[in-house]
Amino acid sequence: MVETSALAGVVMVALGMVLTPGPNMIYLVSRSITQGRRAGIISLGGVALGFLVYLLAANLGLSVIFVAVPELYVAVKLAGAAYLAYLAWNALRPGGVNVFSPEEVPHDSPSRLFTMGLMTNILNPKIAVMYLALIPQFVDPNADRVLFQGLILGGLQIAVSVAVNLAIVLAAGAIAAFLGRHPFWLRVQRRVMGAALGTLAVSLALDTSAPAAPVS
C-alpha cells in the first residue's frame, strides 16, 4: 500500500518539475504556438511515451544496480540535488528563460512530431533525475510490494505531468500574450518555482535513506 504522504510528495515533485522551464516545456510550447494545438498534442504523446520508458527502466532494472552499488546511488542523488539547484538558479537569476517566447520552428509531420517529443523527453536530464533520484525517495523499502509502489508513484507523476503539459499546450498562445502584457507575473512564477526547486535540492542532498529494492 502506498502512503498518502508519499503520493502527496510525488505530486509536489511532479508539479515543481513540470512547471519549471525545461526541454519538454520549451518544445511543446514552441510547437503549440508556431504549428497549432494539434501539433502540441501529438508532441505530448511522444513525451508521455518517454515518461513510460523511464518508469519501466527505473523500476525493473536500474534500482537493482543502486541496491548492489549504494555508492552509485549516493552519487546520483547528489547529482540530482545539484541539478535541481541549477534549475532553481536559472529560475531565480535575472534574465532567466522565458519559455513562452519561443523561437520559430519548422512545421513537421505528425510522426516526426511524436518522435521528436519522445526523444526530447528521453534525452531530458531533468526526467532522468526525477526517476533515478527523486521518486525513489517516496518508496518505503520496508513495506511490501516495493515494485508496485514504484509503478504507482511513477504513474502518478506521469498523470500529473501529462495533465499540466496538456493544459500548457492548449493555453500556450493565451499565456504567451498574457505574460507579454504582464511581466510581473512571469517574475512571480520564476521565483515560486525557483524557491520550490531549491527546497527540494536541499532536502535531497541531506536525505540519508537507502535505495529501495525492486521486489514484488
Protein backbone atom coordinates (compact mmCIF):
# COMPACT_ATOMS: atom_id res chain seq x y z
CA MET A 1 0.00 0.00 0.00
CA VAL A 2 1.31 3.45 -0.92
CA GLU A 3 1.21 6.01 1.88
CA THR A 4 -0.79 9.20 1.36
CA SER A 5 2.27 11.25 2.28
CA ALA A 6 4.24 9.55 -0.50
CA LEU A 7 1.51 10.29 -3.04
CA ALA A 8 1.41 13.93 -1.95
CA GLY A 9 5.21 14.15 -2.11
CA VAL A 10 5.32 12.82 -5.67
CA VAL A 11 2.58 15.23 -6.74
CA MET A 12 4.60 18.14 -5.33
CA VAL A 13 7.79 16.97 -7.04
CA ALA A 14 5.98 16.38 -10.33
CA LEU A 15 4.36 19.83 -10.22
CA GLY A 16 7.63 21.54 -9.32
CA MET A 17 9.45 19.84 -12.19
CA VAL A 18 6.76 20.16 -14.87
CA LEU A 19 6.18 23.86 -14.14
CA THR A 20 9.89 24.65 -14.39
CA PRO A 21 11.06 25.58 -17.91
CA GLY A 22 12.99 22.73 -19.47
CA PRO A 23 13.38 20.90 -22.81
CA ASN A 24 9.90 19.36 -22.70
CA MET A 25 8.07 22.61 -21.98
CA ILE A 26 10.13 24.60 -24.46
CA TYR A 27 9.47 22.06 -27.22
CA LEU A 28 5.74 21.70 -26.51
CA VAL A 29 5.14 25.45 -26.25
CA SER A 30 7.14 26.12 -29.42
CA ARG A 31 5.10 23.56 -31.34
CA SER A 32 1.79 24.79 -29.95
CA ILE A 33 2.43 28.46 -30.70
CA THR A 34 4.03 28.05 -34.14
CA GLN A 35 2.24 24.96 -35.52
CA GLY A 36 -1.03 24.81 -33.56
CA ARG A 37 -2.57 22.91 -30.69
CA ARG A 38 -2.88 19.67 -32.66
CA ALA A 39 0.90 19.61 -33.20
CA GLY A 40 1.41 20.27 -29.49
CA ILE A 41 -0.89 17.41 -28.50
CA ILE A 42 0.82 14.97 -30.88
CA SER A 43 4.20 16.03 -29.50
CA LEU A 44 2.87 15.50 -25.97
CA GLY A 45 2.01 11.90 -26.92
CA GLY A 46 5.70 11.30 -27.61
CA VAL A 47 6.65 12.95 -24.33
CA ALA A 48 4.20 10.69 -22.46
CA LEU A 49 5.76 7.59 -24.03
CA GLY A 50 9.17 8.84 -22.91
CA PHE A 51 7.88 9.02 -19.33
CA LEU A 52 6.68 5.41 -19.61
CA VAL A 53 10.11 4.27 -20.86
CA TYR A 54 11.77 5.88 -17.84
CA LEU A 55 9.15 4.44 -15.48
CA LEU A 56 9.71 0.87 -16.63
CA ALA A 57 13.50 1.17 -16.82
CA ALA A 58 13.79 2.69 -13.35
CA ASN A 59 11.51 0.16 -11.67
CA LEU A 60 12.57 -3.01 -13.48
CA GLY A 61 16.31 -2.63 -13.73
CA LEU A 62 18.13 0.45 -12.57
CA SER A 63 17.14 0.13 -8.90
CA VAL A 64 18.85 -3.28 -8.81
CA ILE A 65 22.14 -1.56 -9.62
CA PHE A 66 21.59 1.04 -6.90
CA VAL A 67 20.97 -1.64 -4.27
CA ALA A 68 24.12 -3.53 -5.34
CA VAL A 69 26.26 -0.38 -5.52
CA PRO A 70 24.97 2.09 -2.89
CA GLU A 71 27.83 4.49 -3.63
CA LEU A 72 26.42 4.96 -7.13
CA TYR A 73 23.02 5.70 -5.61
CA VAL A 74 24.54 8.41 -3.40
CA ALA A 75 26.37 9.89 -6.39
CA VAL A 76 23.18 10.02 -8.46
CA LYS A 77 21.27 11.52 -5.55
CA LEU A 78 23.84 14.29 -5.12
CA ALA A 79 23.87 14.87 -8.87
CA GLY A 80 20.09 15.17 -8.71
CA ALA A 81 20.33 17.72 -5.91
CA ALA A 82 22.91 19.69 -7.88
CA TYR A 83 20.73 19.69 -10.99
CA LEU A 84 17.70 20.86 -9.04
CA ALA A 85 19.80 23.65 -7.57
CA TYR A 86 20.87 24.58 -11.12
CA LEU A 87 17.23 24.71 -12.25
CA ALA A 88 16.39 26.84 -9.20
CA TRP A 89 19.19 29.27 -10.06
CA ASN A 90 18.04 29.51 -13.68
CA ALA A 91 14.52 30.29 -12.48
CA LEU A 92 15.67 32.95 -9.98
CA ARG A 93 18.51 34.67 -11.81
CA PRO A 94 17.85 37.95 -13.64
CA GLY A 95 17.03 37.40 -17.30
CA GLY A 96 16.02 33.76 -16.82
CA VAL A 97 14.48 31.76 -19.64
CA ASN A 98 11.01 32.81 -20.78
CA VAL A 99 9.63 29.62 -22.26
CA PHE A 100 6.61 31.49 -23.68
CA SER A 101 8.79 33.48 -26.08
CA PRO A 102 9.94 30.52 -28.20
CA GLU A 103 11.92 30.66 -31.41
CA GLU A 104 10.18 29.81 -34.67
CA VAL A 105 10.38 26.09 -35.55
CA PRO A 106 9.68 24.40 -38.90
CA HIS A 107 6.38 22.57 -39.43
CA ASP A 108 6.78 18.79 -39.26
CA SER A 109 4.64 15.73 -39.95
CA PRO A 110 2.66 14.03 -37.12
CA SER A 111 5.08 11.09 -37.00
CA ARG A 112 8.07 13.41 -36.70
CA LEU A 113 6.31 15.49 -34.05
CA PHE A 114 5.65 12.35 -31.98
CA THR A 115 9.21 11.06 -32.40
CA MET A 116 10.75 14.41 -31.50
CA GLY A 117 8.55 14.62 -28.40
CA LEU A 118 9.70 11.14 -27.39
CA MET A 119 13.39 11.90 -27.92
CA THR A 120 13.15 15.31 -26.22
CA ASN A 121 11.86 13.58 -23.09
CA ILE A 122 14.22 10.61 -23.15
CA LEU A 123 17.22 12.93 -23.53
CA ASN A 124 15.93 15.33 -20.86
CA PRO A 125 18.27 15.18 -17.82
CA LYS A 126 15.52 16.60 -15.61
CA ILE A 127 13.39 13.48 -16.20
CA ALA A 128 16.34 11.15 -15.57
CA VAL A 129 16.94 12.89 -12.24
CA MET A 130 13.26 12.56 -11.33
CA TYR A 131 13.14 8.80 -11.87
CA LEU A 132 16.60 7.91 -10.63
CA ALA A 133 16.88 10.14 -7.59
CA LEU A 134 13.60 11.84 -6.65
CA ILE A 135 10.68 9.41 -6.95
CA PRO A 136 12.62 6.57 -5.21
CA GLN A 137 12.72 8.76 -2.09
CA PHE A 138 8.99 8.15 -1.62
CA VAL A 139 9.15 4.35 -1.87
CA ASP A 140 9.10 2.57 1.51
CA PRO A 141 11.74 -0.22 1.31
CA ASN A 142 10.35 -1.85 4.44
CA ALA A 143 6.82 -2.21 3.08
CA ASP A 144 5.50 -4.98 0.86
CA ARG A 145 5.32 -4.80 -2.93
CA VAL A 146 8.07 -2.24 -3.49
CA LEU A 147 7.84 -2.66 -7.26
CA PHE A 148 4.12 -1.90 -7.07
CA GLN A 149 4.85 1.25 -5.08
CA GLY A 150 7.34 2.43 -7.70
CA LEU A 151 4.90 1.84 -10.55
CA ILE A 152 2.05 3.62 -8.76
CA LEU A 153 4.18 6.63 -7.83
CA GLY A 154 5.69 6.81 -11.30
CA GLY A 155 2.25 6.51 -12.86
CA LEU A 156 1.04 9.37 -10.68
CA GLN A 157 3.95 11.51 -11.83
CA ILE A 158 3.09 10.75 -15.47
CA ALA A 159 -0.57 11.66 -14.90
CA VAL A 160 0.34 14.98 -13.28
CA SER A 161 2.95 15.86 -15.91
CA VAL A 162 0.73 14.97 -18.88
CA ALA A 163 -2.25 16.86 -17.43
CA VAL A 164 -0.20 20.01 -16.75
CA ASN A 165 1.56 19.84 -20.12
CA LEU A 166 -1.77 19.38 -21.90
CA ALA A 167 -3.13 22.48 -20.18
CA ILE A 168 0.01 24.38 -21.21
CA VAL A 169 -0.30 23.17 -24.81
CA LEU A 170 -3.95 24.24 -25.00
CA ALA A 171 -3.31 27.63 -23.40
CA ALA A 172 0.18 28.38 -24.75
CA GLY A 173 -0.91 31.19 -27.05
CA ALA A 174 -3.05 32.90 -24.42
CA ILE A 175 -0.37 32.52 -21.73
CA ALA A 176 2.31 33.96 -24.02
CA ALA A 177 0.11 37.00 -24.75
CA PHE A 178 -0.75 37.49 -21.05
CA LEU A 179 2.86 37.32 -19.87
CA GLY A 180 3.88 39.66 -22.64
CA ARG A 181 1.45 42.23 -21.21
CA HIS A 182 2.13 41.43 -17.54
CA PRO A 183 5.85 40.65 -16.98
CA PHE A 184 5.31 40.90 -13.20
CA TRP A 185 3.55 37.52 -13.17
CA LEU A 186 6.40 35.95 -15.11
CA ARG A 187 8.77 37.04 -12.33
CA VAL A 188 6.40 35.64 -9.71
CA GLN A 189 6.26 32.27 -11.49
CA ARG A 190 10.05 32.10 -11.67
CA ARG A 191 10.51 32.95 -8.00
CA VAL A 192 7.93 30.47 -6.74
CA MET A 193 9.31 27.64 -8.86
CA GLY A 194 12.89 28.57 -8.02
CA ALA A 195 12.16 28.52 -4.28
CA ALA A 196 10.35 25.16 -4.57
CA LEU A 197 13.20 23.57 -6.53
CA GLY A 198 15.80 24.98 -4.18
CA THR A 199 13.97 23.46 -1.22
CA LEU A 200 13.79 20.10 -2.98
CA ALA A 201 17.51 20.28 -3.78
CA VAL A 202 18.45 20.85 -0.12
CA SER A 203 16.08 18.11 1.06
CA LEU A 204 17.51 15.63 -1.43
CA ALA A 205 21.12 16.48 -0.59
CA LEU A 206 20.50 15.99 3.15
CA ASP A 207 18.50 12.76 2.77
CA THR A 208 20.33 9.67 4.07
CA SER A 209 17.83 6.91 3.18
CA ALA A 210 18.94 3.80 1.31
CA PRO A 211 17.67 2.88 -2.17
CA ALA A 212 14.56 0.69 -2.35
CA ALA A 213 14.98 -2.81 -3.72
CA PRO A 214 12.67 -3.63 -6.66
CA VAL A 215 10.99 -6.70 -5.27
CA SER A 216 7.34 -7.55 -5.67
